[in-house]
Amino acid sequence: MFVITLRFADKTKAPSLMDGHNARIKRGFDDGVFLLVGSLQPNAGGMILAHDTSHAELETRVQDDPFVAHGVVSAEILQVTPARTDDRLTFLKA
């Protein structure tokens, strides 16, 4: 499982790249890799919870996001090995 943080670096470019960024997010959900996307508060960027992928594949996916490629955000990928989960999330331990 992975947690990706996307912290704003240059918000001025965001509006022109938003459609491409949203398309990349949609693709992550469509591919079954992204489980959750949300905003870092207060207005600091975003966060993605991902699974069922390798670090290398996720790195490529993140670098292809227009927000990352054009410096709107800086991305950090954190790999997490779940030790205990609620029963509804046991699939994350696989």
N, C-alpha and C. Protein backbone atom coordinates (compact mmCIF):
# COMPACT_ATOMS: atom_id res chain seq x y z
N MET A 1 0.86 -1.16 0.00
CA MET A 1 0.00 0.00 0.00
C MET A 1 0.91 1.22 0.00
N PHE A 2 0.42 2.29 -0.61
CA PHE A 2 1.21 3.51 -0.73
C PHE A 2 0.36 4.73 -0.37
N VAL A 3 1.00 5.70 0.22
CA VAL A 3 0.41 7.01 0.44
C VAL A 3 1.26 7.99 -0.36
N ILE A 4 0.61 8.74 -1.23
CA ILE A 4 1.30 9.75 -2.04
C ILE A 4 0.84 11.12 -1.57
N THR A 5 1.79 11.96 -1.21
CA THR A 5 1.44 13.34 -0.88
C THR A 5 1.84 14.22 -2.05
N LEU A 6 0.98 15.16 -2.37
CA LEU A 6 1.20 16.12 -3.45
C LEU A 6 1.09 17.52 -2.83
N ARG A 7 2.23 18.10 -2.51
CA ARG A 7 2.25 19.40 -1.83
C ARG A 7 2.46 20.51 -2.86
N PHE A 8 1.61 21.54 -2.76
CA PHE A 8 1.70 22.63 -3.72
C PHE A 8 3.09 23.28 -3.71
N ALA A 9 3.60 23.52 -4.91
CA ALA A 9 4.84 24.25 -5.11
C ALA A 9 4.58 25.54 -5.88
N ASP A 10 3.70 25.47 -6.91
CA ASP A 10 3.38 26.62 -7.75
C ASP A 10 1.93 26.53 -8.21
N LYS A 11 1.03 27.06 -7.40
CA LYS A 11 -0.40 26.97 -7.68
C LYS A 11 -0.82 27.75 -8.92
N THR A 12 -0.01 28.69 -9.38
CA THR A 12 -0.41 29.54 -10.50
C THR A 12 -0.63 28.74 -11.78
N LYS A 13 0.06 27.61 -11.92
CA LYS A 13 -0.08 26.77 -13.13
C LYS A 13 -1.24 25.79 -13.04
N ALA A 14 -1.82 25.62 -11.86
CA ALA A 14 -2.82 24.59 -11.64
C ALA A 14 -4.05 24.69 -12.55
N PRO A 15 -4.65 25.87 -12.72
CA PRO A 15 -5.88 25.91 -13.53
C PRO A 15 -5.70 25.38 -14.96
N SER A 16 -4.59 25.69 -15.59
CA SER A 16 -4.40 25.26 -16.98
C SER A 16 -4.10 23.76 -17.10
N LEU A 17 -3.73 23.12 -15.99
CA LEU A 17 -3.36 21.71 -16.01
C LEU A 17 -4.39 20.81 -15.30
N MET A 18 -5.46 21.43 -14.79
CA MET A 18 -6.44 20.69 -13.98
C MET A 18 -7.11 19.55 -14.74
N ASP A 19 -7.50 19.75 -15.99
CA ASP A 19 -8.15 18.68 -16.75
C ASP A 19 -7.24 17.47 -16.89
N GLY A 20 -5.99 17.69 -17.20
CA GLY A 20 -5.04 16.58 -17.32
C GLY A 20 -4.80 15.89 -16.00
N HIS A 21 -4.70 16.66 -14.93
CA HIS A 21 -4.52 16.10 -13.59
C HIS A 21 -5.73 15.23 -13.23
N ASN A 22 -6.93 15.75 -13.44
CA ASN A 22 -8.14 14.99 -13.12
C ASN A 22 -8.26 13.72 -13.96
N ALA A 23 -7.81 13.78 -15.21
CA ALA A 23 -7.82 12.59 -16.07
C ALA A 23 -6.88 11.52 -15.53
N ARG A 24 -5.72 11.93 -15.01
CA ARG A 24 -4.77 10.98 -14.43
C ARG A 24 -5.33 10.35 -13.16
N ILE A 25 -6.03 11.16 -12.35
CA ILE A 25 -6.67 10.63 -11.15
C ILE A 25 -7.75 9.61 -11.54
N LYS A 26 -8.57 9.96 -12.52
CA LYS A 26 -9.62 9.05 -12.98
C LYS A 26 -9.02 7.74 -13.47
N ARG A 27 -7.93 7.83 -14.21
CA ARG A 27 -7.29 6.62 -14.72
C ARG A 27 -6.80 5.74 -13.57
N GLY A 28 -6.27 6.35 -12.52
CA GLY A 28 -5.83 5.58 -11.35
C GLY A 28 -6.96 4.79 -10.73
N PHE A 29 -8.15 5.42 -10.64
CA PHE A 29 -9.33 4.71 -10.13
C PHE A 29 -9.79 3.65 -11.12
N ASP A 30 -9.84 3.99 -12.39
CA ASP A 30 -10.28 3.03 -13.41
C ASP A 30 -9.38 1.80 -13.45
N ASP A 31 -8.08 2.00 -13.22
CA ASP A 31 -7.12 0.89 -13.22
C ASP A 31 -7.15 0.08 -11.93
N GLY A 32 -7.91 0.55 -10.93
CA GLY A 32 -8.00 -0.17 -9.66
C GLY A 32 -6.82 0.06 -8.74
N VAL A 33 -6.00 1.07 -9.03
CA VAL A 33 -4.82 1.35 -8.21
C VAL A 33 -5.14 2.36 -7.11
N PHE A 34 -5.90 3.39 -7.40
CA PHE A 34 -6.23 4.41 -6.41
C PHE A 34 -7.46 3.99 -5.62
N LEU A 35 -7.39 4.14 -4.31
CA LEU A 35 -8.49 3.82 -3.42
C LEU A 35 -9.17 5.07 -2.86
N LEU A 36 -8.40 6.13 -2.70
CA LEU A 36 -8.90 7.34 -2.07
C LEU A 36 -8.04 8.51 -2.53
N VAL A 37 -8.69 9.62 -2.80
CA VAL A 37 -7.99 10.87 -3.12
C VAL A 37 -8.63 11.95 -2.27
N GLY A 38 -7.81 12.82 -1.71
CA GLY A 38 -8.35 13.89 -0.90
C GLY A 38 -7.43 15.08 -0.86
N SER A 39 -7.90 16.14 -0.23
CA SER A 39 -7.14 17.38 -0.13
C SER A 39 -6.40 17.45 1.20
N LEU A 40 -5.16 17.92 1.16
CA LEU A 40 -4.41 18.21 2.38
C LEU A 40 -4.86 19.58 2.85
N GLN A 41 -5.15 19.69 4.12
CA GLN A 41 -5.67 20.94 4.67
C GLN A 41 -4.60 21.68 5.47
N PRO A 42 -4.66 22.97 5.48
CA PRO A 42 -5.57 23.84 4.74
C PRO A 42 -4.99 24.19 3.37
N ASN A 43 -5.64 23.74 2.32
CA ASN A 43 -5.28 24.07 0.93
C ASN A 43 -3.78 23.88 0.65
N ALA A 44 -3.24 22.73 1.12
CA ALA A 44 -1.81 22.48 1.01
C ALA A 44 -1.45 21.55 -0.14
N GLY A 45 -2.46 20.93 -0.76
CA GLY A 45 -2.19 19.99 -1.84
C GLY A 45 -3.14 18.83 -1.77
N GLY A 46 -2.64 17.63 -2.09
CA GLY A 46 -3.50 16.47 -2.12
C GLY A 46 -2.81 15.22 -1.61
N MET A 47 -3.61 14.15 -1.46
CA MET A 47 -3.12 12.87 -0.98
C MET A 47 -3.85 11.78 -1.73
N ILE A 48 -3.11 10.71 -2.04
CA ILE A 48 -3.68 9.56 -2.74
C ILE A 48 -3.31 8.31 -1.96
N LEU A 49 -4.27 7.42 -1.77
CA LEU A 49 -4.02 6.11 -1.20
C LEU A 49 -4.07 5.12 -2.36
N ALA A 50 -3.00 4.35 -2.54
CA ALA A 50 -2.90 3.44 -3.68
C ALA A 50 -2.51 2.05 -3.20
N HIS A 51 -2.86 1.05 -4.01
CA HIS A 51 -2.49 -0.32 -3.69
C HIS A 51 -2.43 -1.14 -4.97
N ASP A 52 -2.00 -2.39 -4.83
CA ASP A 52 -1.99 -3.34 -5.93
C ASP A 52 -1.14 -2.86 -7.11
N THR A 53 0.04 -2.32 -6.78
CA THR A 53 0.98 -1.84 -7.78
C THR A 53 2.38 -1.91 -7.18
N SER A 54 3.39 -1.77 -7.99
CA SER A 54 4.77 -1.72 -7.48
C SER A 54 5.18 -0.26 -7.29
N HIS A 55 6.23 -0.07 -6.52
CA HIS A 55 6.74 1.29 -6.31
C HIS A 55 7.17 1.89 -7.65
N ALA A 56 7.84 1.11 -8.48
CA ALA A 56 8.31 1.62 -9.77
C ALA A 56 7.14 2.02 -10.68
N GLU A 57 6.10 1.19 -10.73
CA GLU A 57 4.93 1.52 -11.55
C GLU A 57 4.23 2.77 -11.02
N LEU A 58 4.15 2.88 -9.70
CA LEU A 58 3.50 4.04 -9.10
C LEU A 58 4.31 5.30 -9.34
N GLU A 59 5.62 5.19 -9.28
CA GLU A 59 6.49 6.34 -9.56
C GLU A 59 6.25 6.85 -10.97
N THR A 60 6.15 5.95 -11.93
CA THR A 60 5.87 6.35 -13.31
C THR A 60 4.52 7.02 -13.42
N ARG A 61 3.51 6.45 -12.77
CA ARG A 61 2.16 7.01 -12.79
C ARG A 61 2.16 8.42 -12.19
N VAL A 62 2.85 8.60 -11.09
CA VAL A 62 2.89 9.91 -10.43
C VAL A 62 3.64 10.93 -11.29
N GLN A 63 4.76 10.53 -11.86
CA GLN A 63 5.55 11.46 -12.67
C GLN A 63 4.81 11.88 -13.95
N ASP A 64 3.89 11.04 -14.42
CA ASP A 64 3.10 11.37 -15.62
C ASP A 64 1.96 12.34 -15.34
N ASP A 65 1.66 12.59 -14.08
CA ASP A 65 0.61 13.55 -13.73
C ASP A 65 1.10 14.95 -14.12
N PRO A 66 0.32 15.71 -14.88
CA PRO A 66 0.75 17.05 -15.29
C PRO A 66 1.10 17.97 -14.12
N PHE A 67 0.43 17.82 -13.00
CA PHE A 67 0.76 18.64 -11.83
C PHE A 67 2.19 18.38 -11.36
N VAL A 68 2.62 17.14 -11.41
CA VAL A 68 3.99 16.79 -11.00
C VAL A 68 4.96 17.19 -12.10
N ALA A 69 4.65 16.82 -13.33
CA ALA A 69 5.55 17.09 -14.46
C ALA A 69 5.84 18.57 -14.65
N HIS A 70 4.87 19.44 -14.31
CA HIS A 70 5.02 20.87 -14.53
C HIS A 70 5.26 21.66 -13.24
N GLY A 71 5.57 20.97 -12.14
CA GLY A 71 5.98 21.64 -10.92
C GLY A 71 4.87 22.31 -10.12
N VAL A 72 3.61 21.96 -10.38
CA VAL A 72 2.52 22.50 -9.57
C VAL A 72 2.62 21.93 -8.16
N VAL A 73 2.96 20.65 -8.06
CA VAL A 73 3.12 19.99 -6.77
C VAL A 73 4.44 19.24 -6.73
N SER A 74 4.93 19.01 -5.53
CA SER A 74 6.03 18.07 -5.34
C SER A 74 5.41 16.81 -4.74
N ALA A 75 5.83 15.67 -5.25
CA ALA A 75 5.23 14.40 -4.84
C ALA A 75 6.19 13.60 -3.97
N GLU A 76 5.61 12.94 -2.98
CA GLU A 76 6.36 12.00 -2.15
C GLU A 76 5.55 10.72 -2.06
N ILE A 77 6.20 9.59 -2.31
CA ILE A 77 5.54 8.29 -2.24
C ILE A 77 6.06 7.57 -1.00
N LEU A 78 5.15 7.23 -0.11
CA LEU A 78 5.47 6.51 1.11
C LEU A 78 4.89 5.11 1.00
N GLN A 79 5.73 4.08 1.17
CA GLN A 79 5.23 2.71 1.14
C GLN A 79 4.89 2.30 2.56
N VAL A 80 3.71 1.72 2.74
CA VAL A 80 3.22 1.31 4.04
C VAL A 80 2.92 -0.18 4.01
N THR A 81 3.38 -0.90 5.03
CA THR A 81 3.05 -2.31 5.18
C THR A 81 2.03 -2.41 6.31
N PRO A 82 0.75 -2.60 5.97
CA PRO A 82 -0.28 -2.67 7.00
C PRO A 82 -0.04 -3.85 7.94
N ALA A 83 -0.12 -3.59 9.24
CA ALA A 83 0.04 -4.64 10.24
C ALA A 83 -1.31 -5.06 10.82
N ARG A 84 -2.18 -4.09 11.04
CA ARG A 84 -3.52 -4.36 11.56
C ARG A 84 -4.51 -3.51 10.78
N THR A 85 -5.65 -4.09 10.47
CA THR A 85 -6.67 -3.36 9.74
C THR A 85 -8.04 -3.69 10.30
N ASP A 86 -8.96 -2.82 10.05
CA ASP A 86 -10.37 -3.12 10.25
C ASP A 86 -10.72 -4.23 9.26
N ASP A 87 -11.68 -5.07 9.60
CA ASP A 87 -12.05 -6.19 8.73
C ASP A 87 -12.41 -5.73 7.32
N ARG A 88 -12.92 -4.53 7.17
CA ARG A 88 -13.30 -4.04 5.85
C ARG A 88 -12.09 -3.74 4.97
N LEU A 89 -10.91 -3.68 5.57
CA LEU A 89 -9.70 -3.31 4.83
C LEU A 89 -8.68 -4.44 4.76
N THR A 90 -9.06 -5.66 5.04
CA THR A 90 -8.11 -6.75 5.04
C THR A 90 -7.45 -6.97 3.68
N PHE A 91 -8.13 -6.57 2.61
CA PHE A 91 -7.53 -6.72 1.28
C PHE A 91 -6.22 -5.93 1.14
N LEU A 92 -6.01 -4.93 1.99
CA LEU A 92 -4.76 -4.14 1.93
C LEU A 92 -3.56 -4.92 2.45
N LYS A 93 -3.80 -5.95 3.21
CA LYS A 93 -2.70 -6.74 3.77
C LYS A 93 -2.21 -7.82 2.81
N ALA A 94 -2.91 -8.02 1.72
CA ALA A 94 -2.54 -9.08 0.76
C ALA A 94 -1.29 -8.72 0.00
